[in-house]
C-alpha atoms as a PDB file:
ATOM      1  CA  UNK A   1     164.167  45.440  82.901  1.00  0.00           C
ATOM      2  CA  UNK A   2     162.271  42.823  80.900  1.00  0.00           C
ATOM      3  CA  UNK A   3     158.627  43.082  79.918  1.00  0.00           C
ATOM      4  CA  UNK A   4     157.796  40.363  82.465  1.00  0.00           C
ATOM      5  CA  UNK A   5     159.609  42.213  85.276  1.00  0.00           C
ATOM      6  CA  UNK A   6     157.699  45.380  84.437  1.00  0.00           C
ATOM      7  CA  UNK A   7     154.434  43.456  84.327  1.00  0.00           C
ATOM      8  CA  UNK A   8     154.881  41.917  87.773  1.00  0.00           C
ATOM      9  CA  UNK A   9     155.594  45.280  89.374  1.00  0.00           C
ATOM     10  CA  UNK A  10     151.986  46.238  88.669  1.00  0.00           C
ATOM     11  CA  UNK A  11     150.665  43.867  91.374  1.00  0.00           C
ATOM     12  CA  UNK A  12     150.379  45.468  94.795  1.00  0.00           C
ATOM     13  CA  UNK A  13     149.143  42.420  96.720  1.00  0.00           C
ATOM     14  CA  UNK A  14     150.341  39.375  94.745  1.00  0.00           C
ATOM     15  CA  UNK A  15     153.655  37.547  94.562  1.00  0.00           C
ATOM     16  CA  UNK A  16     153.468  35.856  91.185  1.00  0.00           C
ATOM     17  CA  UNK A  17     155.604  33.028  89.811  1.00  0.00           C
ATOM     18  CA  UNK A  18     154.954  32.747  86.053  1.00  0.00           C
ATOM     19  CA  UNK A  19     155.032  29.219  84.614  1.00  0.00           C
ATOM     20  CA  UNK A  20     155.831  30.209  81.043  1.00  0.00           C
ATOM     21  CA  UNK A  21     156.112  33.371  78.951  1.00  0.00           C
ATOM     22  CA  UNK A  22     152.577  32.788  77.615  1.00  0.00           C
ATOM     23  CA  UNK A  23     150.266  31.173  80.151  1.00  0.00           C
ATOM     24  CA  UNK A  24     149.936  30.206  83.802  1.00  0.00           C
ATOM     25  CA  UNK A  25     151.259  31.448  87.159  1.00  0.00           C
ATOM     26  CA  UNK A  26     151.367  30.348  90.776  1.00  0.00           C
ATOM     27  CA  UNK A  27     150.325  33.033  93.255  1.00  0.00           C
ATOM     28  CA  UNK A  28     152.135  32.965  96.601  1.00  0.00           C
ATOM     29  CA  UNK A  29     151.262  34.531  99.931  1.00  0.00           C
ATOM     30  CA  UNK A  30     147.509  34.843  99.407  1.00  0.00           C
ATOM     31  CA  UNK A  31     144.904  33.278 101.687  1.00  0.00           C
ATOM     32  CA  UNK A  32     141.772  32.874  99.583  1.00  0.00           C
ATOM     33  CA  UNK A  33     139.599  32.338 102.646  1.00  0.00           C
ATOM     34  CA  UNK A  34     139.318  36.137 102.845  1.00  0.00           C
ATOM     35  CA  UNK A  35     139.115  38.033  99.563  1.00  0.00           C
ATOM     36  CA  UNK A  36     137.139  40.981 100.868  1.00  0.00           C
ATOM     37  CA  UNK A  37     139.808  43.654 100.355  1.00  0.00           C
ATOM     38  CA  UNK A  38     139.238  45.523  97.101  1.00  0.00           C
ATOM     39  CA  UNK A  39     142.941  45.995  96.294  1.00  0.00           C
ATOM     40  CA  UNK A  40     143.421  42.226  96.448  1.00  0.00           C
ATOM     41  CA  UNK A  41     140.318  41.605  94.354  1.00  0.00           C
ATOM     42  CA  UNK A  42     141.501  44.047  91.682  1.00  0.00           C
ATOM     43  CA  UNK A  43     144.925  42.375  91.559  1.00  0.00           C
ATOM     44  CA  UNK A  44     143.349  38.928  91.206  1.00  0.00           C
ATOM     45  CA  UNK A  45     141.176  40.051  88.299  1.00  0.00           C
ATOM     46  CA  UNK A  46     144.133  41.723  86.602  1.00  0.00           C
ATOM     47  CA  UNK A  47     146.327  38.652  87.067  1.00  0.00           C
ATOM     48  CA  UNK A  48     143.699  36.293  85.665  1.00  0.00           C
ATOM     49  CA  UNK A  49     143.351  38.385  82.522  1.00  0.00           C
ATOM     50  CA  UNK A  50     147.124  38.518  82.077  1.00  0.00           C
ATOM     51  CA  UNK A  51     148.133  34.930  82.935  1.00  0.00           C
ATOM     52  CA  UNK A  52     144.846  33.168  82.031  1.00  0.00           C
ATOM     53  CA  UNK A  53     145.362  30.449  84.692  1.00  0.00           C
ATOM     54  CA  UNK A  54     146.273  31.010  88.358  1.00  0.00           C
ATOM     55  CA  UNK A  55     147.298  28.395  90.950  1.00  0.00           C
ATOM     56  CA  UNK A  56     147.156  28.690  94.724  1.00  0.00           C
ATOM     57  CA  UNK A  57     148.617  26.035  97.050  1.00  0.00           C
ATOM     58  CA  UNK A  58     147.720  25.137 100.644  1.00  0.00           C
ATOM     59  CA  UNK A  59     144.281  26.723 100.700  1.00  0.00           C
ATOM     60  CA  UNK A  60     141.469  25.800 103.092  1.00  0.00           C
ATOM     61  CA  UNK A  61     138.052  26.903 101.868  1.00  0.00           C
ATOM     62  CA  UNK A  62     134.549  26.330 103.126  1.00  0.00           C
ATOM     63  CA  UNK A  63     131.842  26.221 100.450  1.00  0.00           C
ATOM     64  CA  UNK A  64     130.926  29.813 101.334  1.00  0.00           C
ATOM     65  CA  UNK A  65     134.540  30.912 100.928  1.00  0.00           C
ATOM     66  CA  UNK A  66     134.844  29.015  97.639  1.00  0.00           C
ATOM     67  CA  UNK A  67     131.814  30.893  96.335  1.00  0.00           C
ATOM     68  CA  UNK A  68     133.252  34.192  97.610  1.00  0.00           C
ATOM     69  CA  UNK A  69     136.395  33.600  95.534  1.00  0.00           C
ATOM     70  CA  UNK A  70     134.267  33.024  92.441  1.00  0.00           C
ATOM     71  CA  UNK A  71     132.370  36.252  93.109  1.00  0.00           C
ATOM     72  CA  UNK A  72     135.636  38.195  92.794  1.00  0.00           C
ATOM     73  CA  UNK A  73     135.438  37.426  89.066  1.00  0.00           C
ATOM     74  CA  UNK A  74     131.747  36.981  88.277  1.00  0.00           C
ATOM     75  CA  UNK A  75     128.398  35.447  89.175  1.00  0.00           C
ATOM     76  CA  UNK A  76     128.545  31.802  90.391  1.00  0.00           C
ATOM     77  CA  UNK A  77     124.942  31.210  89.361  1.00  0.00           C
ATOM     78  CA  UNK A  78     125.328  31.799  85.622  1.00  0.00           C
ATOM     79  CA  UNK A  79     126.030  28.389  84.040  1.00  0.00           C
ATOM     80  CA  UNK A  80     126.390  24.819  85.286  1.00  0.00           C
ATOM     81  CA  UNK A  81     126.864  21.420  83.649  1.00  0.00           C
ATOM     82  CA  UNK A  82     125.258  18.117  84.702  1.00  0.00           C
ATOM     83  CA  UNK A  83     127.546  17.226  87.625  1.00  0.00           C
ATOM     84  CA  UNK A  84     126.043  16.534  91.073  1.00  0.00           C
ATOM     85  CA  UNK A  85     125.843  19.531  93.403  1.00  0.00           C
ATOM     86  CA  UNK A  86     127.200  19.829  96.913  1.00  0.00           C
ATOM     87  CA  UNK A  87     124.356  19.412  99.384  1.00  0.00           C
ATOM     88  CA  UNK A  88     123.028  22.814 100.349  1.00  0.00           C
ATOM     89  CA  UNK A  89     125.085  24.638  97.677  1.00  0.00           C
ATOM     90  CA  UNK A  90     123.517  24.604  94.249  1.00  0.00           C
ATOM     91  CA  UNK A  91     126.402  26.555  92.691  1.00  0.00           C
ATOM     92  CA  UNK A  92     129.101  24.093  93.856  1.00  0.00           C
ATOM     93  CA  UNK A  93     129.537  21.114  91.539  1.00  0.00           C
ATOM     94  CA  UNK A  94     131.098  17.865  92.761  1.00  0.00           C
ATOM     95  CA  UNK A  95     133.568  16.144  90.417  1.00  0.00           C
ATOM     96  CA  UNK A  96     134.274  12.761  91.965  1.00  0.00           C
ATOM     97  CA  UNK A  97     136.067   9.622  90.876  1.00  0.00           C
ATOM     98  CA  UNK A  98     135.285   6.773  93.254  1.00  0.00           C
ATOM     99  CA  UNK A  99     133.854   3.237  93.180  1.00  0.00           C
ATOM    100  CA  UNK A 100     130.183   3.151  92.168  1.00  0.00           C
ATOM    101  CA  UNK A 101     130.194   6.867  91.227  1.00  0.00           C
ATOM    102  CA  UNK A 102     129.243   7.624  87.589  1.00  0.00           C
ATOM    103  CA  UNK A 103     132.334   8.977  85.860  1.00  0.00           C
ATOM    104  CA  UNK A 104     132.492  11.676  83.222  1.00  0.00           C
ATOM    105  CA  UNK A 105     135.807  11.781  81.385  1.00  0.00           C
ATOM    106  CA  UNK A 106     137.143  15.214  80.505  1.00  0.00           C
ATOM    107  CA  UNK A 107     140.268  13.926  78.751  1.00  0.00           C
ATOM    108  CA  UNK A 108     139.591  16.076  75.706  1.00  0.00           C
ATOM    109  CA  UNK A 109     140.409  19.742  75.174  1.00  0.00           C
ATOM    110  CA  UNK A 110     137.394  21.802  76.127  1.00  0.00           C
ATOM    111  CA  UNK A 111     136.150  25.136  77.320  1.00  0.00           C
ATOM    112  CA  UNK A 112     133.665  24.626  80.148  1.00  0.00           C
ATOM    113  CA  UNK A 113     130.060  24.513  79.010  1.00  0.00           C
ATOM    114  CA  UNK A 114     130.616  26.133  75.612  1.00  0.00           C
ATOM    115  CA  UNK A 115     127.337  24.498  74.562  1.00  0.00           C
ATOM    116  CA  UNK A 116     125.504  27.368  76.347  1.00  0.00           C
ATOM    117  CA  UNK A 117     124.445  30.525  74.536  1.00  0.00           C
ATOM    118  CA  UNK A 118     126.163  32.454  77.357  1.00  0.00           C
ATOM    119  CA  UNK A 119     128.928  30.173  78.683  1.00  0.00           C
ATOM    120  CA  UNK A 120     130.740  30.804  81.970  1.00  0.00           C
ATOM    121  CA  UNK A 121     133.647  33.223  81.872  1.00  0.00           C
ATOM    122  CA  UNK A 122     135.780  31.271  84.326  1.00  0.00           C
ATOM    123  CA  UNK A 123     136.117  28.465  86.827  1.00  0.00           C
ATOM    124  CA  UNK A 124     137.414  27.985  90.381  1.00  0.00           C
ATOM    125  CA  UNK A 125     138.426  24.353  91.003  1.00  0.00           C
ATOM    126  CA  UNK A 126     139.388  23.192  94.514  1.00  0.00           C
ATOM    127  CA  UNK A 127     141.061  19.840  95.256  1.00  0.00           C
ATOM    128  CA  UNK A 128     139.637  17.852  98.173  1.00  0.00           C
ATOM    129  CA  UNK A 129     141.132  14.421  97.406  1.00  0.00           C
ATOM    130  CA  UNK A 130     143.933  13.665  94.938  1.00  0.00           C
ATOM    131  CA  UNK A 131     145.498  10.378  93.750  1.00  0.00           C
ATOM    132  CA  UNK A 132     149.099   9.713  94.709  1.00  0.00           C
ATOM    133  CA  UNK A 133     150.180   9.923  91.069  1.00  0.00           C
ATOM    134  CA  UNK A 134     148.669  11.355  87.918  1.00  0.00           C
ATOM    135  CA  UNK A 135     145.430  13.283  87.355  1.00  0.00           C
ATOM    136  CA  UNK A 136     147.228  16.427  86.167  1.00  0.00           C
ATOM    137  CA  UNK A 137     145.310  19.135  84.312  1.00  0.00           C
ATOM    138  CA  UNK A 138     146.725  20.878  81.235  1.00  0.00           C
ATOM    139  CA  UNK A 139     145.612  24.259  79.931  1.00  0.00           C
ATOM    140  CA  UNK A 140     146.258  25.737  76.511  1.00  0.00           C
ATOM    141  CA  UNK A 141     146.015  29.388  75.583  1.00  0.00           C
ATOM    142  CA  UNK A 142     143.320  29.861  72.948  1.00  0.00           C
ATOM    143  CA  UNK A 143     144.720  33.359  72.493  1.00  0.00           C
ATOM    144  CA  UNK A 144     148.183  32.126  71.585  1.00  0.00           C
ATOM    145  CA  UNK A 145     146.724  29.264  69.538  1.00  0.00           C
ATOM    146  CA  UNK A 146     145.015  31.852  67.344  1.00  0.00           C
ATOM    147  CA  UNK A 147     148.170  33.948  67.060  1.00  0.00           C
ATOM    148  CA  UNK A 148     150.112  30.916  65.773  1.00  0.00           C
ATOM    149  CA  UNK A 149     147.714  30.324  62.877  1.00  0.00           C
ATOM    150  CA  UNK A 150     148.844  31.277  59.360  1.00  0.00           C
ATOM    151  CA  UNK A 151     148.122  34.950  58.748  1.00  0.00           C
ATOM    152  CA  UNK A 152     146.347  34.164  55.472  1.00  0.00           C
ATOM    153  CA  UNK A 153     143.877  31.910  57.284  1.00  0.00           C
ATOM    154  CA  UNK A 154     142.823  34.316  60.037  1.00  0.00           C
ATOM    155  CA  UNK A 155     140.510  36.599  57.977  1.00  0.00           C
ATOM    156  CA  UNK A 156     138.636  33.561  56.647  1.00  0.00           C
ATOM    157  CA  UNK A 157     138.198  32.075  60.114  1.00  0.00           C
ATOM    158  CA  UNK A 158     136.757  35.382  61.309  1.00  0.00           C
ATOM    159  CA  UNK A 159     133.836  34.879  58.896  1.00  0.00           C
ATOM    160  CA  UNK A 160     132.918  31.418  60.253  1.00  0.00           C
ATOM    161  CA  UNK A 161     130.617  30.127  62.962  1.00  0.00           C
ATOM    162  CA  UNK A 162     130.700  26.753  64.711  1.00  0.00           C
ATOM    163  CA  UNK A 163     127.990  24.580  66.253  1.00  0.00           C
ATOM    164  CA  UNK A 164     128.558  23.551  69.885  1.00  0.00           C
ATOM    165  CA  UNK A 165     126.566  20.717  71.451  1.00  0.00           C
ATOM    166  CA  UNK A 166     126.762  18.671  74.657  1.00  0.00           C
ATOM    167  CA  UNK A 167     125.665  15.659  72.567  1.00  0.00           C
ATOM    168  CA  UNK A 168     129.004  15.823  70.775  1.00  0.00           C
ATOM    169  CA  UNK A 169     130.830  15.220  74.082  1.00  0.00           C
ATOM    170  CA  UNK A 170     130.980  12.450  76.651  1.00  0.00           C
ATOM    171  CA  UNK A 171     127.757  13.519  78.332  1.00  0.00           C
ATOM    172  CA  UNK A 172     125.508  10.951  76.585  1.00  0.00           C
ATOM    173  CA  UNK A 173     127.688   8.119  77.945  1.00  0.00           C
ATOM    174  CA  UNK A 174     127.571   9.739  81.384  1.00  0.00           C
ATOM    175  CA  UNK A 175     123.781   9.801  81.345  1.00  0.00           C
ATOM    176  CA  UNK A 176     123.808   6.081  80.502  1.00  0.00           C
ATOM    177  CA  UNK A 177     125.365   5.427  83.915  1.00  0.00           C
ATOM    178  CA  UNK A 178     122.636   7.227  85.857  1.00  0.00           C
ATOM    179  CA  UNK A 179     119.408   5.938  87.274  1.00  0.00           C
ATOM    180  CA  UNK A 180     116.673   6.992  84.850  1.00  0.00           C
ATOM    181  CA  UNK A 181     119.516   8.143  82.607  1.00  0.00           C
ATOM    182  CA  UNK A 182     117.545   7.870  79.384  1.00  0.00           C
ATOM    183  CA  UNK A 183     114.825  10.167  80.719  1.00  0.00           C
ATOM    184  CA  UNK A 184     117.413  12.631  82.050  1.00  0.00           C
ATOM    185  CA  UNK A 185     119.178  12.671  78.707  1.00  0.00           C
ATOM    186  CA  UNK A 186     115.923  13.324  76.852  1.00  0.00           C
ATOM    187  CA  UNK A 187     115.185  16.215  79.217  1.00  0.00           C
ATOM    188  CA  UNK A 188     118.661  17.677  78.721  1.00  0.00           C
ATOM    189  CA  UNK A 189     118.337  17.415  74.924  1.00  0.00           C
ATOM    190  CA  UNK A 190     115.094  19.372  75.031  1.00  0.00           C
ATOM    191  CA  UNK A 191     116.552  22.086  77.271  1.00  0.00           C
ATOM    192  CA  UNK A 192     120.013  22.498  75.727  1.00  0.00           C
ATOM    193  CA  UNK A 193     119.754  22.689  71.972  1.00  0.00           C
ATOM    194  CA  UNK A 194     122.926  23.132  69.912  1.00  0.00           C
ATOM    195  CA  UNK A 195     124.231  26.710  69.883  1.00  0.00           C
ATOM    196  CA  UNK A 196     126.303  28.670  67.385  1.00  0.00           C
ATOM    197  CA  UNK A 197     129.402  30.689  68.331  1.00  0.00           C
ATOM    198  CA  UNK A 198     131.883  32.581  66.140  1.00  0.00           C
ATOM    199  CA  UNK A 199     135.058  30.596  65.483  1.00  0.00           C
ATOM    200  CA  UNK A 200     137.088  33.687  66.371  1.00  0.00           C
ATOM    201  CA  UNK A 201     136.054  35.824  69.326  1.00  0.00           C
ATOM    202  CA  UNK A 202     137.509  38.924  70.979  1.00  0.00           C
ATOM    203  CA  UNK A 203     138.246  38.857  74.700  1.00  0.00           C
ATOM    204  CA  UNK A 204     136.298  41.750  76.269  1.00  0.00           C
ATOM    205  CA  UNK A 205     139.035  42.527  78.829  1.00  0.00           C
ATOM    206  CA  UNK A 206     142.289  42.056  76.902  1.00  0.00           C
ATOM    207  CA  UNK A 207     140.970  42.836  73.422  1.00  0.00           C
ATOM    208  CA  UNK A 208     142.887  39.838  72.034  1.00  0.00           C
ATOM    209  CA  UNK A 209     141.510  37.381  69.498  1.00  0.00           C
ATOM    210  CA  UNK A 210     140.545  33.893  70.710  1.00  0.00           C
ATOM    211  CA  UNK A 211     140.255  30.613  68.819  1.00  0.00           C
ATOM    212  CA  UNK A 212     136.838  29.645  70.179  1.00  0.00           C
ATOM    213  CA  UNK A 213     136.439  25.984  69.257  1.00  0.00           C
ATOM    214  CA  UNK A 214     137.144  22.823  71.241  1.00  0.00           C
ATOM    215  CA  UNK A 215     137.061  19.073  70.468  1.00  0.00           C
ATOM    216  CA  UNK A 216     134.702  18.191  73.310  1.00  0.00           C
ATOM    217  CA  UNK A 217     131.783  20.410  72.351  1.00  0.00           C
ATOM    218  CA  UNK A 218     132.365  21.806  68.841  1.00  0.00           C
ATOM    219  CA  UNK A 219     130.485  19.566  66.422  1.00  0.00           C
ATOM    220  CA  UNK A 220     130.991  21.278  63.061  1.00  0.00           C
ATOM    221  CA  UNK A 221     131.643  24.482  61.170  1.00  0.00           C
ATOM    222  CA  UNK A 222     128.365  25.980  60.017  1.00  0.00           C
ATOM    223  CA  UNK A 223     127.963  26.164  56.239  1.00  0.00           C
ATOM    224  CA  UNK A 224     130.732  23.697  55.372  1.00  0.00           C
ATOM    225  CA  UNK A 225     130.374  20.090  54.300  1.00  0.00           C
ATOM    226  CA  UNK A 226     131.088  17.542  57.010  1.00  0.00           C
ATOM    227  CA  UNK A 227     134.322  16.575  55.262  1.00  0.00           C
ATOM    228  CA  UNK A 228     135.550  20.169  54.975  1.00  0.00           C
ATOM    229  CA  UNK A 229     134.428  20.986  58.519  1.00  0.00           C
ATOM    230  CA  UNK A 230     136.221  17.984  60.015  1.00  0.00           C
ATOM    231  CA  UNK A 231     139.414  18.837  58.136  1.00  0.00           C
ATOM    232  CA  UNK A 232     139.404  22.465  59.270  1.00  0.00           C
ATOM    233  CA  UNK A 233     138.557  21.607  62.884  1.00  0.00           C
ATOM    234  CA  UNK A 234     141.344  19.021  62.965  1.00  0.00           C
ATOM    235  CA  UNK A 235     143.787  21.741  61.920  1.00  0.00           C
ATOM    236  CA  UNK A 236     142.464  24.172  64.539  1.00  0.00           C
ATOM    237  CA  UNK A 237     142.337  21.635  67.378  1.00  0.00           C
ATOM    238  CA  UNK A 238     145.926  20.724  66.601  1.00  0.00           C
ATOM    239  CA  UNK A 239     147.042  24.200  67.685  1.00  0.00           C
ATOM    240  CA  UNK A 240     146.179  23.334  71.289  1.00  0.00           C
ATOM    241  CA  UNK A 241     148.646  20.437  71.142  1.00  0.00           C
ATOM    242  CA  UNK A 242     151.719  22.660  70.806  1.00  0.00           C
ATOM    243  CA  UNK A 243     153.706  22.656  74.086  1.00  0.00           C
ATOM    244  CA  UNK A 244     154.462  26.351  73.590  1.00  0.00           C
ATOM    245  CA  UNK A 245     150.841  27.270  74.321  1.00  0.00           C
ATOM    246  CA  UNK A 246     150.401  24.922  77.312  1.00  0.00           C
ATOM    247  CA  UNK A 247     150.854  24.862  81.070  1.00  0.00           C
ATOM    248  CA  UNK A 248     150.446  21.762  83.267  1.00  0.00           C
ATOM    249  CA  UNK A 249     149.398  21.534  86.907  1.00  0.00           C
ATOM    250  CA  UNK A 250     150.326  18.654  89.179  1.00  0.00           C
ATOM    251  CA  UNK A 251     147.565  18.717  91.736  1.00  0.00           C
ATOM    252  CA  UNK A 252     148.177  18.606  95.457  1.00  0.00           C
ATOM    253  CA  UNK A 253     145.624  18.477  98.248  1.00  0.00           C
ATOM    254  CA  UNK A 254     144.057  21.895  98.905  1.00  0.00           C
ATOM    255  CA  UNK A 255     145.141  23.420  95.610  1.00  0.00           C
ATOM    256  CA  UNK A 256     142.915  26.006  93.925  1.00  0.00           C
ATOM    257  CA  UNK A 257     143.078  26.618  90.181  1.00  0.00           C
ATOM    258  CA  UNK A 258     141.280  29.599  88.660  1.00  0.00           C
ATOM    259  CA  UNK A 259     141.133  30.035  84.912  1.00  0.00           C
ATOM    260  CA  UNK A 260     139.654  32.273  82.270  1.00  0.00           C
ATOM    261  CA  UNK A 261     137.196  30.071  80.399  1.00  0.00           C
ATOM    262  CA  UNK A 262     137.160  32.365  77.385  1.00  0.00           C
ATOM    263  CA  UNK A 263     140.873  32.536  76.637  1.00  0.00           C
ATOM    264  CA  UNK A 264     141.820  28.920  77.467  1.00  0.00           C
ATOM    265  CA  UNK A 265     140.892  25.309  76.883  1.00  0.00           C
ATOM    266  CA  UNK A 266     141.894  22.537  79.269  1.00  0.00           C
ATOM    267  CA  UNK A 267     142.388  18.782  79.422  1.00  0.00           C
ATOM    268  CA  UNK A 268     142.067  16.525  82.488  1.00  0.00           C
ATOM    269  CA  UNK A 269     144.695  13.793  82.122  1.00  0.00           C
ATOM    270  CA  UNK A 270     143.067  10.382  82.619  1.00  0.00           C
ATOM    271  CA  UNK A 271     146.153   8.446  83.711  1.00  0.00           C
ATOM    272  CA  UNK A 272     145.387   7.744  87.354  1.00  0.00           C
ATOM    273  CA  UNK A 273     143.945   5.054  89.551  1.00  0.00           C
ATOM    274  CA  UNK A 274     142.276   5.647  92.885  1.00  0.00           C
ATOM    275  CA  UNK A 275     139.875   8.280  94.081  1.00  0.00           C
ATOM    276  CA  UNK A 276     139.694  11.963  93.295  1.00  0.00           C
ATOM    277  CA  UNK A 277     137.361  14.670  94.577  1.00  0.00           C
ATOM    278  CA  UNK A 278     137.175  18.237  93.324  1.00  0.00           C
ATOM    279  CA  UNK A 279     134.685  21.014  94.017  1.00  0.00           C
ATOM    280  CA  UNK A 280     134.000  23.296  91.079  1.00  0.00           C
ATOM    281  CA  UNK A 281     132.352  26.698  90.852  1.00  0.00           C
ATOM    282  CA  UNK A 282     131.950  28.281  87.441  1.00  0.00           C
ATOM    283  CA  UNK A 283     131.307  32.011  87.249  1.00  0.00           C
ATOM    284  CA  UNK A 284     129.916  34.202  84.515  1.00  0.00           C
ATOM    285  CA  UNK A 285     128.449  37.496  83.456  1.00  0.00           C
ATOM    286  CA  UNK A 286     125.246  38.617  81.786  1.00  0.00           C
ATOM    287  CA  UNK A 287     127.170  38.534  78.510  1.00  0.00           C
ATOM    288  CA  UNK A 288     130.391  36.529  78.210  1.00  0.00           C
ATOM    289  CA  UNK A 289     131.519  38.326  75.056  1.00  0.00           C
END
């Protein structure tokens, strides 16, 4: 019996199809519209910690059911970005690509909302409208990315901190598209000052080390010159590019993706034309780490 065979036996309620030895799995035979049973909830939490990203096909969720799925893993009210909200549901963000809709590109590796002091611990993303081709999402394991670093470099990285800022990302350009965008941007700058996170973090569930930087929000390494910081971050970001640490989802209508926002980064492939509509709920805890 392989390690993977032994691992899958531990799930009482889930039929799991791993996508790679390191990250990602499709879960079969689960209807997420009802996640009230505690045995199922425990299996889902265990699977997310182990596989880091979970996919569920052919799901039909109301906003209330979408929020109930997020509550299996954490609090849906903890952290939100600047996306529009679904009417009547402040915790459900609307990610839409359509004519005359301001577009925020997420075609950079990122961990959701790492510019918060206490970022969300995970995300539940639900597809409502998908282009005929393209618009895949790719995840990379920040756990495995750290493990692949040279052993001599790891102790040094553990002494470093990095500055995360929404101003470093595509958000300023997004605000430019909005009515009263300049005022909204000024308000956001005053409310969300740059934050500092350790470059290496420890996952509180698995105990594994995480490379906690990302190109979209990490501006610089604290205490290093800009030149040295850029060089080191380029090396670290490059670890996410290795296919061995990645898993890729081809979206279909009514697909749900749930991922651990601490142990992964992800990239929304911007190769499509046409409309796309996703509903997103991030979830968190009082203390992410």
